[in-house]
N, C-alpha and C. Protein backbone atom coordinates (compact mmCIF):
# COMPACT_ATOMS: atom_id res chain seq x y z
N MET A 1 93.44 96.03 118.73
CA MET A 1 92.98 96.87 117.65
C MET A 1 92.43 95.98 116.53
N ASN A 2 91.16 96.15 116.17
CA ASN A 2 90.52 95.38 115.13
C ASN A 2 90.63 96.15 113.81
N ILE A 3 91.56 95.72 112.93
CA ILE A 3 91.84 96.40 111.66
C ILE A 3 91.14 95.69 110.52
N THR A 4 90.45 96.46 109.68
CA THR A 4 89.81 95.94 108.48
C THR A 4 90.28 96.77 107.30
N ILE A 5 90.72 96.09 106.24
CA ILE A 5 91.06 96.74 104.97
C ILE A 5 90.03 96.24 103.97
N ARG A 6 89.37 97.19 103.30
CA ARG A 6 88.31 96.81 102.36
C ARG A 6 88.14 97.86 101.28
N LYS A 7 87.43 97.46 100.21
CA LYS A 7 87.09 98.41 99.16
C LYS A 7 86.15 99.46 99.75
N ALA A 8 86.34 100.69 99.32
CA ALA A 8 85.49 101.79 99.79
C ALA A 8 84.11 101.69 99.15
N ASN A 9 83.13 102.25 99.86
CA ASN A 9 81.79 102.37 99.32
C ASN A 9 81.33 103.82 99.49
N LEU A 10 80.16 104.12 98.97
CA LEU A 10 79.64 105.49 98.98
C LEU A 10 79.60 106.07 100.40
N ALA A 11 79.28 105.25 101.37
CA ALA A 11 79.19 105.73 102.76
C ALA A 11 80.54 106.14 103.33
N ASP A 12 81.64 105.71 102.71
CA ASP A 12 82.98 106.04 103.19
C ASP A 12 83.49 107.39 102.68
N LEU A 13 82.79 108.00 101.74
CA LEU A 13 83.33 109.18 101.08
C LEU A 13 83.53 110.37 102.00
N GLN A 14 82.69 110.55 102.99
CA GLN A 14 82.92 111.65 103.94
C GLN A 14 84.25 111.45 104.66
N ALA A 15 84.50 110.24 105.12
CA ALA A 15 85.76 109.97 105.82
C ALA A 15 86.95 110.13 104.87
N ILE A 16 86.80 109.69 103.63
CA ILE A 16 87.88 109.84 102.64
C ILE A 16 88.14 111.32 102.39
N HIS A 17 87.08 112.09 102.22
CA HIS A 17 87.21 113.54 102.00
C HIS A 17 87.92 114.19 103.18
N ASP A 18 87.57 113.79 104.39
CA ASP A 18 88.21 114.33 105.59
C ASP A 18 89.70 113.97 105.64
N LEU A 19 90.03 112.74 105.24
CA LEU A 19 91.42 112.32 105.22
C LEU A 19 92.23 113.10 104.19
N VAL A 20 91.63 113.39 103.05
CA VAL A 20 92.33 114.18 102.03
C VAL A 20 92.57 115.59 102.54
N ARG A 21 91.59 116.16 103.25
CA ARG A 21 91.80 117.48 103.85
C ARG A 21 92.96 117.43 104.85
N GLU A 22 93.00 116.38 105.66
CA GLU A 22 94.09 116.21 106.62
C GLU A 22 95.43 116.14 105.90
N LEU A 23 95.48 115.44 104.78
CA LEU A 23 96.69 115.35 103.98
C LEU A 23 97.07 116.72 103.41
N ALA A 24 96.09 117.48 102.92
CA ALA A 24 96.35 118.81 102.38
C ALA A 24 96.93 119.73 103.46
N VAL A 25 96.43 119.62 104.67
CA VAL A 25 96.97 120.41 105.78
C VAL A 25 98.41 120.00 106.05
N TYR A 26 98.68 118.69 106.10
CA TYR A 26 100.03 118.19 106.33
C TYR A 26 100.99 118.69 105.26
N GLU A 27 100.50 118.76 104.01
CA GLU A 27 101.35 119.20 102.90
C GLU A 27 101.37 120.72 102.75
N LYS A 28 100.79 121.41 103.72
CA LYS A 28 100.76 122.88 103.73
C LYS A 28 100.10 123.45 102.47
N ALA A 29 99.01 122.80 102.06
CA ALA A 29 98.34 123.18 100.82
C ALA A 29 96.82 123.17 100.96
N GLU A 30 96.30 123.35 102.17
CA GLU A 30 94.85 123.25 102.36
C GLU A 30 94.04 124.18 101.45
N PRO A 31 94.48 125.42 101.18
CA PRO A 31 93.69 126.28 100.29
C PRO A 31 93.51 125.71 98.88
N GLU A 32 94.39 124.82 98.48
CA GLU A 32 94.29 124.20 97.15
C GLU A 32 93.28 123.06 97.11
N PHE A 33 92.84 122.61 98.26
CA PHE A 33 91.89 121.50 98.34
C PHE A 33 90.48 122.06 98.14
N VAL A 34 89.97 121.98 96.92
CA VAL A 34 88.68 122.59 96.60
C VAL A 34 87.62 121.59 96.17
N ALA A 35 87.97 120.33 95.98
CA ALA A 35 86.98 119.33 95.59
C ALA A 35 86.00 119.12 96.74
N SER A 36 84.73 119.18 96.44
CA SER A 36 83.70 119.04 97.47
C SER A 36 83.33 117.58 97.68
N LEU A 37 82.63 117.33 98.76
CA LEU A 37 82.10 115.99 99.02
C LEU A 37 81.16 115.59 97.89
N ALA A 38 80.37 116.52 97.38
CA ALA A 38 79.48 116.23 96.25
C ALA A 38 80.28 115.82 95.01
N ASP A 39 81.42 116.46 94.79
CA ASP A 39 82.30 116.05 93.68
C ASP A 39 82.74 114.61 93.88
N TYR A 40 83.18 114.30 95.10
CA TYR A 40 83.62 112.93 95.39
C TYR A 40 82.49 111.94 95.12
N GLN A 41 81.30 112.27 95.60
CA GLN A 41 80.17 111.35 95.45
C GLN A 41 79.83 111.10 93.98
N SER A 42 79.70 112.16 93.20
CA SER A 42 79.34 111.98 91.79
C SER A 42 80.45 111.28 91.02
N ASP A 43 81.70 111.61 91.31
CA ASP A 43 82.81 110.98 90.59
C ASP A 43 83.00 109.52 90.99
N PHE A 44 82.78 109.21 92.25
CA PHE A 44 82.85 107.82 92.70
C PHE A 44 81.75 106.99 92.03
N GLU A 45 80.54 107.53 92.02
CA GLU A 45 79.43 106.82 91.39
C GLU A 45 79.64 106.65 89.89
N ALA A 46 80.35 107.59 89.26
CA ALA A 46 80.63 107.50 87.82
C ALA A 46 81.82 106.59 87.52
N GLY A 47 82.47 106.07 88.55
CA GLY A 47 83.61 105.17 88.35
C GLY A 47 84.90 105.89 87.98
N ILE A 48 84.98 107.18 88.27
CA ILE A 48 86.19 107.95 87.97
C ILE A 48 87.36 107.51 88.85
N PHE A 49 87.07 107.17 90.08
CA PHE A 49 88.12 106.70 90.99
C PHE A 49 87.55 105.60 91.87
N ASP A 50 88.46 104.91 92.52
CA ASP A 50 88.12 103.86 93.48
C ASP A 50 89.03 104.04 94.68
N ALA A 51 88.77 103.31 95.72
CA ALA A 51 89.60 103.43 96.92
C ALA A 51 89.47 102.18 97.78
N HIS A 52 90.48 102.01 98.62
CA HIS A 52 90.44 101.06 99.71
C HIS A 52 90.51 101.89 100.99
N VAL A 53 89.88 101.40 102.04
CA VAL A 53 89.94 102.08 103.32
C VAL A 53 90.47 101.12 104.39
N ALA A 54 91.08 101.73 105.39
CA ALA A 54 91.50 101.01 106.59
C ALA A 54 90.60 101.48 107.71
N ALA A 55 89.95 100.54 108.38
CA ALA A 55 89.07 100.88 109.50
C ALA A 55 89.61 100.20 110.76
N VAL A 56 89.55 100.93 111.85
CA VAL A 56 89.90 100.39 113.15
C VAL A 56 88.64 100.42 113.99
N ASP A 57 88.22 99.25 114.43
CA ASP A 57 86.97 99.12 115.19
C ASP A 57 85.81 99.83 114.49
N GLY A 58 85.77 99.70 113.15
CA GLY A 58 84.68 100.25 112.36
C GLY A 58 84.86 101.69 111.91
N LYS A 59 85.86 102.40 112.43
CA LYS A 59 86.08 103.80 112.07
C LYS A 59 87.15 103.89 110.98
N VAL A 60 86.84 104.57 109.86
CA VAL A 60 87.81 104.73 108.77
C VAL A 60 88.90 105.69 109.22
N VAL A 61 90.16 105.20 109.20
CA VAL A 61 91.30 106.00 109.65
C VAL A 61 92.40 106.10 108.59
N GLY A 62 92.17 105.48 107.44
CA GLY A 62 93.15 105.54 106.36
C GLY A 62 92.51 105.18 105.05
N MET A 63 93.18 105.59 103.98
CA MET A 63 92.64 105.27 102.67
C MET A 63 93.72 105.36 101.60
N ALA A 64 93.49 104.63 100.52
CA ALA A 64 94.29 104.71 99.30
C ALA A 64 93.31 104.93 98.16
N LEU A 65 93.41 106.08 97.49
CA LEU A 65 92.50 106.45 96.41
C LEU A 65 93.27 106.36 95.10
N TYR A 66 92.71 105.68 94.11
CA TYR A 66 93.43 105.37 92.87
C TYR A 66 92.47 105.32 91.69
N TYR A 67 93.06 105.27 90.50
CA TYR A 67 92.26 105.12 89.29
C TYR A 67 93.11 104.48 88.19
N MET A 68 92.43 103.91 87.21
CA MET A 68 93.09 103.29 86.07
C MET A 68 93.55 104.39 85.11
N THR A 69 94.74 104.24 84.60
CA THR A 69 95.25 105.11 83.55
C THR A 69 96.04 104.23 82.59
N TYR A 70 96.77 104.84 81.68
CA TYR A 70 97.45 104.04 80.67
C TYR A 70 98.84 104.58 80.39
N SER A 71 99.80 103.70 80.35
CA SER A 71 101.16 104.03 79.95
C SER A 71 101.35 103.55 78.52
N THR A 72 101.67 104.47 77.63
CA THR A 72 101.88 104.07 76.23
C THR A 72 103.10 103.17 76.09
N TRP A 73 103.98 103.17 77.07
CA TRP A 73 105.16 102.32 77.04
C TRP A 73 104.93 100.97 77.71
N LYS A 74 104.06 100.94 78.73
CA LYS A 74 103.91 99.72 79.53
C LYS A 74 102.52 99.08 79.44
N GLY A 75 101.49 99.87 79.17
CA GLY A 75 100.12 99.35 79.14
C GLY A 75 99.33 99.82 80.35
N ARG A 76 98.44 98.97 80.82
CA ARG A 76 97.58 99.33 81.95
C ARG A 76 98.38 99.75 83.17
N MET A 77 97.89 100.81 83.81
CA MET A 77 98.59 101.35 84.96
C MET A 77 97.57 101.89 85.96
N PHE A 78 97.85 101.70 87.23
CA PHE A 78 97.08 102.33 88.30
C PHE A 78 97.84 103.55 88.78
N TYR A 79 97.10 104.62 89.02
CA TYR A 79 97.70 105.82 89.59
C TYR A 79 97.16 105.99 91.01
N LEU A 80 98.06 106.03 91.96
CA LEU A 80 97.71 106.23 93.37
C LEU A 80 97.66 107.73 93.61
N GLU A 81 96.47 108.26 93.68
CA GLU A 81 96.30 109.72 93.82
C GLU A 81 96.58 110.19 95.24
N ASP A 82 96.03 109.51 96.22
CA ASP A 82 96.27 109.86 97.61
C ASP A 82 96.30 108.61 98.47
N PHE A 83 97.15 108.68 99.47
CA PHE A 83 97.36 107.54 100.37
C PHE A 83 97.69 108.15 101.73
N VAL A 84 96.81 107.92 102.71
CA VAL A 84 97.01 108.57 104.01
C VAL A 84 96.42 107.70 105.12
N VAL A 85 97.11 107.71 106.25
CA VAL A 85 96.63 107.11 107.48
C VAL A 85 96.69 108.20 108.54
N GLN A 86 95.63 108.34 109.31
CA GLN A 86 95.64 109.35 110.38
C GLN A 86 96.86 109.14 111.26
N GLU A 87 97.45 110.26 111.67
CA GLU A 87 98.72 110.23 112.38
C GLU A 87 98.72 109.31 113.59
N GLU A 88 97.66 109.35 114.38
CA GLU A 88 97.65 108.54 115.60
C GLU A 88 97.56 107.03 115.33
N TYR A 89 97.27 106.63 114.08
CA TYR A 89 97.18 105.22 113.74
C TYR A 89 98.39 104.73 112.93
N ARG A 90 99.35 105.60 112.71
CA ARG A 90 100.56 105.20 111.99
C ARG A 90 101.43 104.34 112.90
N GLY A 91 102.22 103.49 112.26
CA GLY A 91 103.13 102.63 113.02
C GLY A 91 102.51 101.32 113.47
N HIS A 92 101.28 101.04 113.02
CA HIS A 92 100.61 99.79 113.40
C HIS A 92 100.40 98.86 112.21
N GLY A 93 101.00 99.20 111.07
CA GLY A 93 100.90 98.34 109.90
C GLY A 93 99.72 98.62 108.99
N LEU A 94 98.88 99.61 109.33
CA LEU A 94 97.73 99.91 108.48
C LEU A 94 98.15 100.38 107.10
N GLY A 95 99.15 101.25 107.05
CA GLY A 95 99.61 101.77 105.76
C GLY A 95 100.11 100.66 104.86
N GLN A 96 100.86 99.72 105.42
CA GLN A 96 101.36 98.61 104.62
C GLN A 96 100.22 97.75 104.11
N LYS A 97 99.24 97.48 104.97
CA LYS A 97 98.09 96.68 104.55
C LYS A 97 97.30 97.38 103.45
N LEU A 98 97.12 98.70 103.57
CA LEU A 98 96.43 99.47 102.53
C LEU A 98 97.21 99.43 101.22
N PHE A 99 98.51 99.66 101.30
CA PHE A 99 99.36 99.66 100.11
C PHE A 99 99.33 98.28 99.45
N ASP A 100 99.40 97.23 100.25
CA ASP A 100 99.32 95.87 99.70
C ASP A 100 97.99 95.63 99.00
N ALA A 101 96.89 96.13 99.57
CA ALA A 101 95.57 95.97 98.94
C ALA A 101 95.52 96.72 97.61
N PHE A 102 96.11 97.93 97.58
CA PHE A 102 96.19 98.70 96.34
C PHE A 102 96.98 97.93 95.29
N LEU A 103 98.14 97.39 95.66
CA LEU A 103 98.96 96.63 94.72
C LEU A 103 98.23 95.38 94.23
N GLN A 104 97.52 94.71 95.12
CA GLN A 104 96.78 93.51 94.72
C GLN A 104 95.66 93.87 93.75
N GLU A 105 94.98 94.98 94.01
CA GLU A 105 93.92 95.43 93.09
C GLU A 105 94.50 95.71 91.71
N ALA A 106 95.68 96.33 91.67
CA ALA A 106 96.34 96.59 90.38
C ALA A 106 96.68 95.27 89.67
N ARG A 107 97.19 94.32 90.43
CA ARG A 107 97.49 93.01 89.83
C ARG A 107 96.21 92.34 89.32
N ASP A 108 95.14 92.40 90.13
CA ASP A 108 93.87 91.78 89.74
C ASP A 108 93.32 92.39 88.46
N ARG A 109 93.59 93.67 88.25
CA ARG A 109 93.11 94.35 87.03
C ARG A 109 94.14 94.30 85.91
N LYS A 110 95.14 93.46 86.08
CA LYS A 110 96.14 93.19 85.06
C LYS A 110 96.98 94.42 84.68
N CYS A 111 97.26 95.25 85.68
CA CYS A 111 98.15 96.40 85.46
C CYS A 111 99.60 95.93 85.45
N ARG A 112 100.41 96.62 84.69
CA ARG A 112 101.84 96.32 84.64
C ARG A 112 102.66 97.29 85.48
N LEU A 113 102.01 98.35 85.95
CA LEU A 113 102.74 99.43 86.59
C LEU A 113 101.81 100.18 87.53
N VAL A 114 102.34 100.66 88.63
CA VAL A 114 101.62 101.62 89.48
C VAL A 114 102.53 102.83 89.65
N LYS A 115 101.92 104.00 89.72
CA LYS A 115 102.68 105.24 89.88
C LYS A 115 101.99 106.14 90.88
N TRP A 116 102.75 107.08 91.41
CA TRP A 116 102.22 108.08 92.32
C TRP A 116 103.24 109.20 92.42
N GLN A 117 102.89 110.24 93.13
CA GLN A 117 103.81 111.32 93.43
C GLN A 117 104.05 111.36 94.93
N VAL A 118 105.23 111.84 95.28
CA VAL A 118 105.56 112.03 96.70
C VAL A 118 106.40 113.30 96.77
N LEU A 119 106.11 114.11 97.77
CA LEU A 119 106.86 115.35 97.94
C LEU A 119 108.30 115.03 98.35
N ASP A 120 109.24 115.81 97.83
CA ASP A 120 110.65 115.54 98.09
C ASP A 120 111.04 115.70 99.56
N TRP A 121 110.26 116.44 100.33
CA TRP A 121 110.58 116.65 101.75
C TRP A 121 109.87 115.66 102.67
N ASN A 122 109.02 114.81 102.12
CA ASN A 122 108.23 113.88 102.94
C ASN A 122 109.04 112.60 103.21
N GLU A 123 110.02 112.71 104.09
CA GLU A 123 110.92 111.60 104.39
C GLU A 123 110.21 110.34 104.90
N PRO A 124 109.19 110.46 105.77
CA PRO A 124 108.51 109.22 106.20
C PRO A 124 107.89 108.47 105.02
N ALA A 125 107.28 109.19 104.09
CA ALA A 125 106.69 108.55 102.92
C ALA A 125 107.77 107.96 102.02
N LEU A 126 108.84 108.71 101.80
CA LEU A 126 109.93 108.20 100.97
C LEU A 126 110.51 106.93 101.55
N ARG A 127 110.70 106.88 102.86
CA ARG A 127 111.22 105.66 103.51
C ARG A 127 110.25 104.49 103.30
N PHE A 128 108.95 104.77 103.47
CA PHE A 128 107.94 103.72 103.28
C PHE A 128 108.02 103.15 101.87
N TYR A 129 108.03 104.03 100.87
CA TYR A 129 108.06 103.57 99.48
C TYR A 129 109.35 102.81 99.16
N ARG A 130 110.45 103.30 99.69
CA ARG A 130 111.73 102.60 99.45
C ARG A 130 111.72 101.21 100.08
N ARG A 131 111.10 101.08 101.26
CA ARG A 131 110.98 99.75 101.89
C ARG A 131 110.16 98.80 101.01
N ASN A 132 109.31 99.38 100.16
CA ASN A 132 108.49 98.59 99.26
C ASN A 132 109.12 98.46 97.87
N ASN A 133 110.41 98.73 97.79
CA ASN A 133 111.18 98.60 96.54
C ASN A 133 110.70 99.51 95.42
N ALA A 134 110.19 100.67 95.77
CA ALA A 134 109.73 101.63 94.77
C ALA A 134 110.92 102.34 94.12
N VAL A 135 110.76 102.67 92.87
CA VAL A 135 111.70 103.51 92.16
C VAL A 135 111.20 104.94 92.33
N ILE A 136 112.01 105.80 92.92
CA ILE A 136 111.64 107.20 93.09
C ILE A 136 112.35 107.99 91.99
N GLU A 137 111.56 108.42 91.01
CA GLU A 137 112.12 109.15 89.86
C GLU A 137 112.38 110.60 90.25
N LYS A 138 113.49 111.13 89.78
CA LYS A 138 113.82 112.53 90.04
C LYS A 138 114.01 113.31 88.76
N GLU A 139 113.98 112.63 87.63
CA GLU A 139 114.26 113.31 86.39
C GLU A 139 113.03 113.82 85.64
N TRP A 140 111.84 113.33 85.98
CA TRP A 140 110.61 113.76 85.31
C TRP A 140 109.99 114.92 86.08
N TRP A 141 109.58 115.94 85.39
CA TRP A 141 108.92 117.08 86.00
C TRP A 141 107.44 117.00 85.70
N ASN A 142 106.62 117.50 86.62
CA ASN A 142 105.17 117.51 86.42
C ASN A 142 104.77 118.75 85.64
N GLY A 143 103.79 118.58 84.79
CA GLY A 143 103.18 119.71 84.09
C GLY A 143 101.69 119.69 84.37
N LYS A 144 101.07 120.86 84.44
CA LYS A 144 99.63 120.90 84.65
C LYS A 144 99.07 122.21 84.13
N ILE A 145 97.81 122.16 83.75
CA ILE A 145 97.05 123.34 83.33
C ILE A 145 95.70 123.26 84.05
N PHE A 146 95.34 124.30 84.78
CA PHE A 146 94.05 124.34 85.44
C PHE A 146 92.99 124.77 84.42
N LEU A 147 91.98 123.95 84.24
CA LEU A 147 90.93 124.25 83.27
C LEU A 147 89.78 125.04 83.86
N THR A 148 89.73 125.10 85.17
CA THR A 148 88.74 125.92 85.85
C THR A 148 89.46 126.76 86.91
N GLU A 149 88.89 127.87 87.23
CA GLU A 149 89.49 128.73 88.23
C GLU A 149 89.36 128.09 89.60
N ILE A 150 90.44 128.13 90.35
CA ILE A 150 90.43 127.55 91.69
C ILE A 150 90.45 128.68 92.69
N HIS A 151 89.50 128.63 93.61
CA HIS A 151 89.40 129.69 94.64
C HIS A 151 89.87 129.20 95.97
């Protein structure tokens, strides 16, 4: 298996969009996935988010999508919005290589912290993060307000 981990480019956005849909299905939330490929393209070109991809023999099979944010307590921070490897490619180290690339990118950009969310029932993900010495917070609750109607 020829594995490549690299920064994403515009040509990767269709595969990234497909992977996010796959993740939404896994999380039993596909109807909530409303961002279009055109949204991804314009937002990627505007620098709203960045990503790393994992390719096997040239085919994108995983990705880590992230963006810079700020912690008023810690300073620069990367937020890992989505991180997924296609099911048939799990267990071959791709996820670890992607996560390591994400962490290195955060270090290169002088971040002091990385954060993400994980569903409480997603035991495989929780095990992965714990193996990476992650702190899984249980005391903070998420808040959100939708500014546009979601169909």
